[in-house]
Amino acid sequence: MSNYRRAKTKEKFGFDSDKKVERMERTKAAAEVALRKTTDRRQRIEQNSLYKVLIKRAIGFDIIDAILGFFEEIGDLASALFGLLYIFLSLFVVRSIRLTLAVLCVTLVDLLIGLIPLAGSVVDAVFCGSYINRTIIKGFVEGDAKIKRRVNLIAAFGFLVVISLAWTVKSLLEKIF
């Protein structure tokens, strides 16, 4: 009975029980470990040379993409190479499937817009796929919650696009063979 009264008195005056203190210390230690891991991962990614080139120092990719877009199909396929670099970065450096799917979706939309004759070149100058990819990769690495929600939305849309493209290719191959 005295232990019960002692515990109630501690609660009444704001003293924490030993178990509660231990639980709080373990939670705090686990949070510190998780923060350290996140910080180490972010530093590893930011020290990568491809990340530095594509994210930190890439100013002209959008301009080059818009200029190459005026050369119709060949220019659009050449500008899609920039998209492949972003896909490689998100898959092998950042190591995120969701982010890779989002980058793939943006790259495909950029490529498909650019393949439309004349109007595609004008829209391609406004829709800067490299800029969007750069923004979502940088925000994802920095842990921006708004960007992560956007990545999740684009990845869901990208999943649907990839499934529909796979189904279309499959049906075309069945008709051919």
C-alpha atoms as a PDB file:
ATOM      1  CA  MET A   1       0.000   0.000   0.000  1.00  0.00           C
ATOM      2  CA  SER A   2       2.835   2.388   0.783  1.00  0.00           C
ATOM      3  CA  ASN A   3       4.344   1.911  -2.692  1.00  0.00           C
ATOM      4  CA  TYR A   4       1.045   2.861  -4.249  1.00  0.00           C
ATOM      5  CA  ARG A   5       0.773   5.971  -2.082  1.00  0.00           C
ATOM      6  CA  ARG A   6       4.400   6.829  -2.776  1.00  0.00           C
ATOM      7  CA  ALA A   7       3.820   6.525  -6.545  1.00  0.00           C
ATOM      8  CA  LYS A   8       0.675   8.671  -6.343  1.00  0.00           C
ATOM      9  CA  THR A   9       2.512  11.299  -4.344  1.00  0.00           C
ATOM     10  CA  LYS A  10       5.354  11.347  -6.881  1.00  0.00           C
ATOM     11  CA  GLU A  11       2.849  11.791  -9.686  1.00  0.00           C
ATOM     12  CA  LYS A  12       1.051  14.506  -7.743  1.00  0.00           C
ATOM     13  CA  PHE A  13       4.213  16.552  -7.224  1.00  0.00           C
ATOM     14  CA  GLY A  14       5.601  15.885 -10.720  1.00  0.00           C
ATOM     15  CA  PHE A  15       8.313  13.373  -9.906  1.00  0.00           C
ATOM     16  CA  ASP A  16       8.789  10.697 -12.516  1.00  0.00           C
ATOM     17  CA  SER A  17       9.001   7.042 -11.642  1.00  0.00           C
ATOM     18  CA  ASP A  18      12.252   5.182 -12.285  1.00  0.00           C
ATOM     19  CA  LYS A  19      10.696   3.189 -15.126  1.00  0.00           C
ATOM     20  CA  LYS A  20       9.418   6.343 -16.749  1.00  0.00           C
ATOM     21  CA  VAL A  21      12.845   7.987 -16.498  1.00  0.00           C
ATOM     22  CA  GLU A  22      14.529   4.915 -18.011  1.00  0.00           C
ATOM     23  CA  ARG A  23      11.980   4.831 -20.829  1.00  0.00           C
ATOM     24  CA  MET A  24      12.533   8.523 -21.553  1.00  0.00           C
ATOM     25  CA  GLU A  25      16.328   8.046 -21.587  1.00  0.00           C
ATOM     26  CA  ARG A  26      16.054   5.087 -23.991  1.00  0.00           C
ATOM     27  CA  THR A  27      13.759   7.074 -26.277  1.00  0.00           C
ATOM     28  CA  LYS A  28      16.134  10.016 -26.206  1.00  0.00           C
ATOM     29  CA  ALA A  29      19.121   7.775 -26.995  1.00  0.00           C
ATOM     30  CA  ALA A  30      17.243   6.121 -29.869  1.00  0.00           C
ATOM     31  CA  ALA A  31      16.309   9.539 -31.271  1.00  0.00           C
ATOM     32  CA  GLU A  32      19.946  10.660 -31.082  1.00  0.00           C
ATOM     33  CA  VAL A  33      21.084   7.513 -32.924  1.00  0.00           C
ATOM     34  CA  ALA A  34      18.428   8.038 -35.623  1.00  0.00           C
ATOM     35  CA  LEU A  35      19.432  11.693 -36.002  1.00  0.00           C
ATOM     36  CA  ARG A  36      23.098  10.724 -36.262  1.00  0.00           C
ATOM     37  CA  LYS A  37      22.299   8.131 -38.952  1.00  0.00           C
ATOM     38  CA  THR A  38      20.238  10.652 -40.904  1.00  0.00           C
ATOM     39  CA  THR A  39      22.989  13.250 -40.664  1.00  0.00           C
ATOM     40  CA  ASP A  40      25.656  10.754 -41.744  1.00  0.00           C
ATOM     41  CA  ARG A  41      23.516   9.632 -44.705  1.00  0.00           C
ATOM     42  CA  ARG A  42      22.880  13.222 -45.769  1.00  0.00           C
ATOM     43  CA  GLN A  43      26.599  14.077 -45.538  1.00  0.00           C
ATOM     44  CA  ARG A  44      27.505  10.941 -47.546  1.00  0.00           C
ATOM     45  CA  ILE A  45      25.077  11.935 -50.293  1.00  0.00           C
ATOM     46  CA  GLU A  46      26.144  15.591 -50.345  1.00  0.00           C
ATOM     47  CA  GLN A  47      29.823  14.616 -50.617  1.00  0.00           C
ATOM     48  CA  ASN A  48      29.130  12.523 -53.730  1.00  0.00           C
ATOM     49  CA  SER A  49      30.617  14.120 -56.849  1.00  0.00           C
ATOM     50  CA  LEU A  50      27.572  13.377 -59.030  1.00  0.00           C
ATOM     51  CA  TYR A  51      25.309  15.034 -56.450  1.00  0.00           C
ATOM     52  CA  LYS A  52      27.564  18.078 -56.370  1.00  0.00           C
ATOM     53  CA  VAL A  53      27.523  18.392 -60.172  1.00  0.00           C
ATOM     54  CA  LEU A  54      23.824  17.741 -60.749  1.00  0.00           C
ATOM     55  CA  ILE A  55      22.306  19.440 -57.716  1.00  0.00           C
ATOM     56  CA  LYS A  56      24.685  22.059 -56.413  1.00  0.00           C
ATOM     57  CA  ARG A  57      26.305  23.343 -59.604  1.00  0.00           C
ATOM     58  CA  ALA A  58      23.843  22.551 -62.397  1.00  0.00           C
ATOM     59  CA  ILE A  59      22.573  25.858 -63.669  1.00  0.00           C
ATOM     60  CA  GLY A  60      22.634  25.337 -67.399  1.00  0.00           C
ATOM     61  CA  PHE A  61      20.934  21.947 -67.782  1.00  0.00           C
ATOM     62  CA  ASP A  62      17.499  23.542 -68.192  1.00  0.00           C
ATOM     63  CA  ILE A  63      18.803  26.004 -70.781  1.00  0.00           C
ATOM     64  CA  ILE A  64      20.572  23.232 -72.697  1.00  0.00           C
ATOM     65  CA  ASP A  65      17.403  21.119 -72.495  1.00  0.00           C
ATOM     66  CA  ALA A  66      15.292  23.934 -73.955  1.00  0.00           C
ATOM     67  CA  ILE A  67      17.802  24.565 -76.766  1.00  0.00           C
ATOM     68  CA  LEU A  68      18.101  20.875 -77.606  1.00  0.00           C
ATOM     69  CA  GLY A  69      14.293  20.655 -77.650  1.00  0.00           C
ATOM     70  CA  PHE A  70      14.165  22.718 -80.842  1.00  0.00           C
ATOM     71  CA  PHE A  71      16.023  19.935 -82.708  1.00  0.00           C
ATOM     72  CA  GLU A  72      12.913  17.711 -82.512  1.00  0.00           C
ATOM     73  CA  GLU A  73      13.386  14.005 -81.662  1.00  0.00           C
ATOM     74  CA  ILE A  74      17.183  13.909 -81.599  1.00  0.00           C
ATOM     75  CA  GLY A  75      17.400  16.890 -79.277  1.00  0.00           C
ATOM     76  CA  ASP A  76      14.777  15.474 -76.942  1.00  0.00           C
ATOM     77  CA  LEU A  77      16.520  12.132 -76.728  1.00  0.00           C
ATOM     78  CA  ALA A  78      19.817  13.894 -76.034  1.00  0.00           C
ATOM     79  CA  SER A  79      18.179  15.952 -73.288  1.00  0.00           C
ATOM     80  CA  ALA A  80      16.748  12.723 -71.819  1.00  0.00           C
ATOM     81  CA  LEU A  81      20.346  11.760 -71.027  1.00  0.00           C
ATOM     82  CA  PHE A  82      20.273  14.396 -68.292  1.00  0.00           C
ATOM     83  CA  GLY A  83      17.221  12.591 -66.915  1.00  0.00           C
ATOM     84  CA  LEU A  84      19.163   9.334 -66.869  1.00  0.00           C
ATOM     85  CA  LEU A  85      21.818  11.000 -64.729  1.00  0.00           C
ATOM     86  CA  TYR A  86      19.150  12.104 -62.242  1.00  0.00           C
ATOM     87  CA  ILE A  87      17.672   8.592 -62.242  1.00  0.00           C
ATOM     88  CA  PHE A  88      21.119   7.131 -61.549  1.00  0.00           C
ATOM     89  CA  LEU A  89      21.657   9.655 -58.749  1.00  0.00           C
ATOM     90  CA  SER A  90      18.346   8.890 -57.061  1.00  0.00           C
ATOM     91  CA  LEU A  91      18.680   5.114 -57.404  1.00  0.00           C
ATOM     92  CA  PHE A  92      22.342   4.481 -56.594  1.00  0.00           C
ATOM     93  CA  VAL A  93      23.446   7.492 -54.532  1.00  0.00           C
ATOM     94  CA  VAL A  94      20.306   8.495 -52.613  1.00  0.00           C
ATOM     95  CA  ARG A  95      19.036   4.883 -52.704  1.00  0.00           C
ATOM     96  CA  SER A  96      15.323   5.610 -52.743  1.00  0.00           C
ATOM     97  CA  ILE A  97      12.874   3.733 -54.938  1.00  0.00           C
ATOM     98  CA  ARG A  98      10.123   6.318 -54.408  1.00  0.00           C
ATOM     99  CA  LEU A  99      12.431   9.136 -55.413  1.00  0.00           C
ATOM    100  CA  THR A 100      13.680   7.172 -58.421  1.00  0.00           C
ATOM    101  CA  LEU A 101      10.119   6.542 -59.558  1.00  0.00           C
ATOM    102  CA  ALA A 102       9.291  10.242 -59.198  1.00  0.00           C
ATOM    103  CA  VAL A 103      12.413  11.274 -61.138  1.00  0.00           C
ATOM    104  CA  LEU A 104      11.620   8.691 -63.820  1.00  0.00           C
ATOM    105  CA  CYS A 105       8.091  10.066 -64.133  1.00  0.00           C
ATOM    106  CA  VAL A 106       9.280  13.661 -64.480  1.00  0.00           C
ATOM    107  CA  THR A 107      11.876  12.582 -67.053  1.00  0.00           C
ATOM    108  CA  LEU A 108       9.303  10.639 -69.083  1.00  0.00           C
ATOM    109  CA  VAL A 109       6.829  13.525 -69.025  1.00  0.00           C
ATOM    110  CA  ASP A 110       9.601  15.899 -70.104  1.00  0.00           C
ATOM    111  CA  LEU A 111      10.569  13.540 -72.924  1.00  0.00           C
ATOM    112  CA  LEU A 112       6.976  13.004 -74.083  1.00  0.00           C
ATOM    113  CA  ILE A 113       6.228  16.732 -74.025  1.00  0.00           C
ATOM    114  CA  GLY A 114       9.353  17.402 -76.057  1.00  0.00           C
ATOM    115  CA  LEU A 115       8.359  14.857 -78.706  1.00  0.00           C
ATOM    116  CA  ILE A 116       5.284  16.907 -79.705  1.00  0.00           C
ATOM    117  CA  PRO A 117       6.246  18.876 -82.838  1.00  0.00           C
ATOM    118  CA  LEU A 118       6.740  22.630 -82.396  1.00  0.00           C
ATOM    119  CA  ALA A 119       4.335  23.095 -79.458  1.00  0.00           C
ATOM    120  CA  GLY A 120       6.372  20.570 -77.484  1.00  0.00           C
ATOM    121  CA  SER A 121       9.489  22.680 -77.902  1.00  0.00           C
ATOM    122  CA  VAL A 122       7.733  25.738 -76.504  1.00  0.00           C
ATOM    123  CA  VAL A 123       6.177  23.829 -73.597  1.00  0.00           C
ATOM    124  CA  ASP A 124       9.506  22.067 -72.987  1.00  0.00           C
ATOM    125  CA  ALA A 125      11.120  25.458 -72.464  1.00  0.00           C
ATOM    126  CA  VAL A 126       8.583  26.174 -69.705  1.00  0.00           C
ATOM    127  CA  PHE A 127       8.435  22.658 -68.200  1.00  0.00           C
ATOM    128  CA  CYS A 128      11.994  22.265 -66.950  1.00  0.00           C
ATOM    129  CA  GLY A 129      12.352  18.596 -66.042  1.00  0.00           C
ATOM    130  CA  SER A 130      15.926  19.032 -64.845  1.00  0.00           C
ATOM    131  CA  TYR A 131      14.885  21.813 -62.481  1.00  0.00           C
ATOM    132  CA  ILE A 132      12.019  19.724 -61.071  1.00  0.00           C
ATOM    133  CA  ASN A 133      14.285  16.693 -60.635  1.00  0.00           C
ATOM    134  CA  ARG A 134      16.938  18.831 -58.979  1.00  0.00           C
ATOM    135  CA  THR A 135      14.372  20.341 -56.594  1.00  0.00           C
ATOM    136  CA  ILE A 136      12.813  17.058 -55.518  1.00  0.00           C
ATOM    137  CA  ILE A 137      16.163  15.298 -55.060  1.00  0.00           C
ATOM    138  CA  LYS A 138      17.606  18.159 -53.015  1.00  0.00           C
ATOM    139  CA  GLY A 139      14.456  18.480 -50.890  1.00  0.00           C
ATOM    140  CA  PHE A 140      14.297  14.721 -50.366  1.00  0.00           C
ATOM    141  CA  VAL A 141      17.917  14.585 -49.199  1.00  0.00           C
ATOM    142  CA  GLU A 142      17.401  17.572 -46.897  1.00  0.00           C
ATOM    143  CA  GLY A 143      14.301  15.937 -45.400  1.00  0.00           C
ATOM    144  CA  ASP A 144      11.791  18.603 -46.430  1.00  0.00           C
ATOM    145  CA  ALA A 145       8.332  17.217 -45.545  1.00  0.00           C
ATOM    146  CA  LYS A 146       6.558  19.186 -48.282  1.00  0.00           C
ATOM    147  CA  ILE A 147       8.941  17.835 -50.929  1.00  0.00           C
ATOM    148  CA  LYS A 148       8.572  14.295 -49.576  1.00  0.00           C
ATOM    149  CA  ARG A 149       4.780  14.548 -49.954  1.00  0.00           C
ATOM    150  CA  ARG A 150       5.293  15.805 -53.500  1.00  0.00           C
ATOM    151  CA  VAL A 151       7.693  12.925 -54.224  1.00  0.00           C
ATOM    152  CA  ASN A 152       5.112  10.445 -52.917  1.00  0.00           C
ATOM    153  CA  LEU A 153       2.424  11.965 -55.151  1.00  0.00           C
ATOM    154  CA  ILE A 154       4.647  12.004 -58.236  1.00  0.00           C
ATOM    155  CA  ALA A 155       5.841   8.460 -57.483  1.00  0.00           C
ATOM    156  CA  ALA A 156       2.247   7.218 -57.305  1.00  0.00           C
ATOM    157  CA  PHE A 157       1.517   8.885 -60.633  1.00  0.00           C
ATOM    158  CA  GLY A 158       4.801   7.526 -61.999  1.00  0.00           C
ATOM    159  CA  PHE A 159       3.852   4.014 -60.931  1.00  0.00           C
ATOM    160  CA  LEU A 160       0.647   4.321 -62.945  1.00  0.00           C
ATOM    161  CA  VAL A 161       2.578   5.697 -65.931  1.00  0.00           C
ATOM    162  CA  VAL A 162       5.131   2.869 -65.815  1.00  0.00           C
ATOM    163  CA  ILE A 163       2.379   0.233 -65.532  1.00  0.00           C
ATOM    164  CA  SER A 164       0.454   1.745 -68.456  1.00  0.00           C
ATOM    165  CA  LEU A 165       3.613   1.968 -70.582  1.00  0.00           C
ATOM    166  CA  ALA A 166       4.484  -1.641 -69.780  1.00  0.00           C
ATOM    167  CA  TRP A 167       0.957  -2.727 -70.701  1.00  0.00           C
ATOM    168  CA  THR A 168       1.128  -0.752 -73.969  1.00  0.00           C
ATOM    169  CA  VAL A 169       4.500  -2.227 -74.916  1.00  0.00           C
ATOM    170  CA  LYS A 170       3.264  -5.710 -74.032  1.00  0.00           C
ATOM    171  CA  SER A 171       0.160  -5.336 -76.205  1.00  0.00           C
ATOM    172  CA  LEU A 172       2.236  -3.924 -79.089  1.00  0.00           C
ATOM    173  CA  LEU A 173       4.667  -6.804 -78.860  1.00  0.00           C
ATOM    174  CA  GLU A 174       1.786  -9.296 -78.873  1.00  0.00           C
ATOM    175  CA  LYS A 175       0.391  -7.705 -82.041  1.00  0.00           C
ATOM    176  CA  ILE A 176       3.794  -7.762 -83.724  1.00  0.00           C
ATOM    177  CA  PHE A 177       4.727 -11.306 -82.759  1.00  0.00           C
END
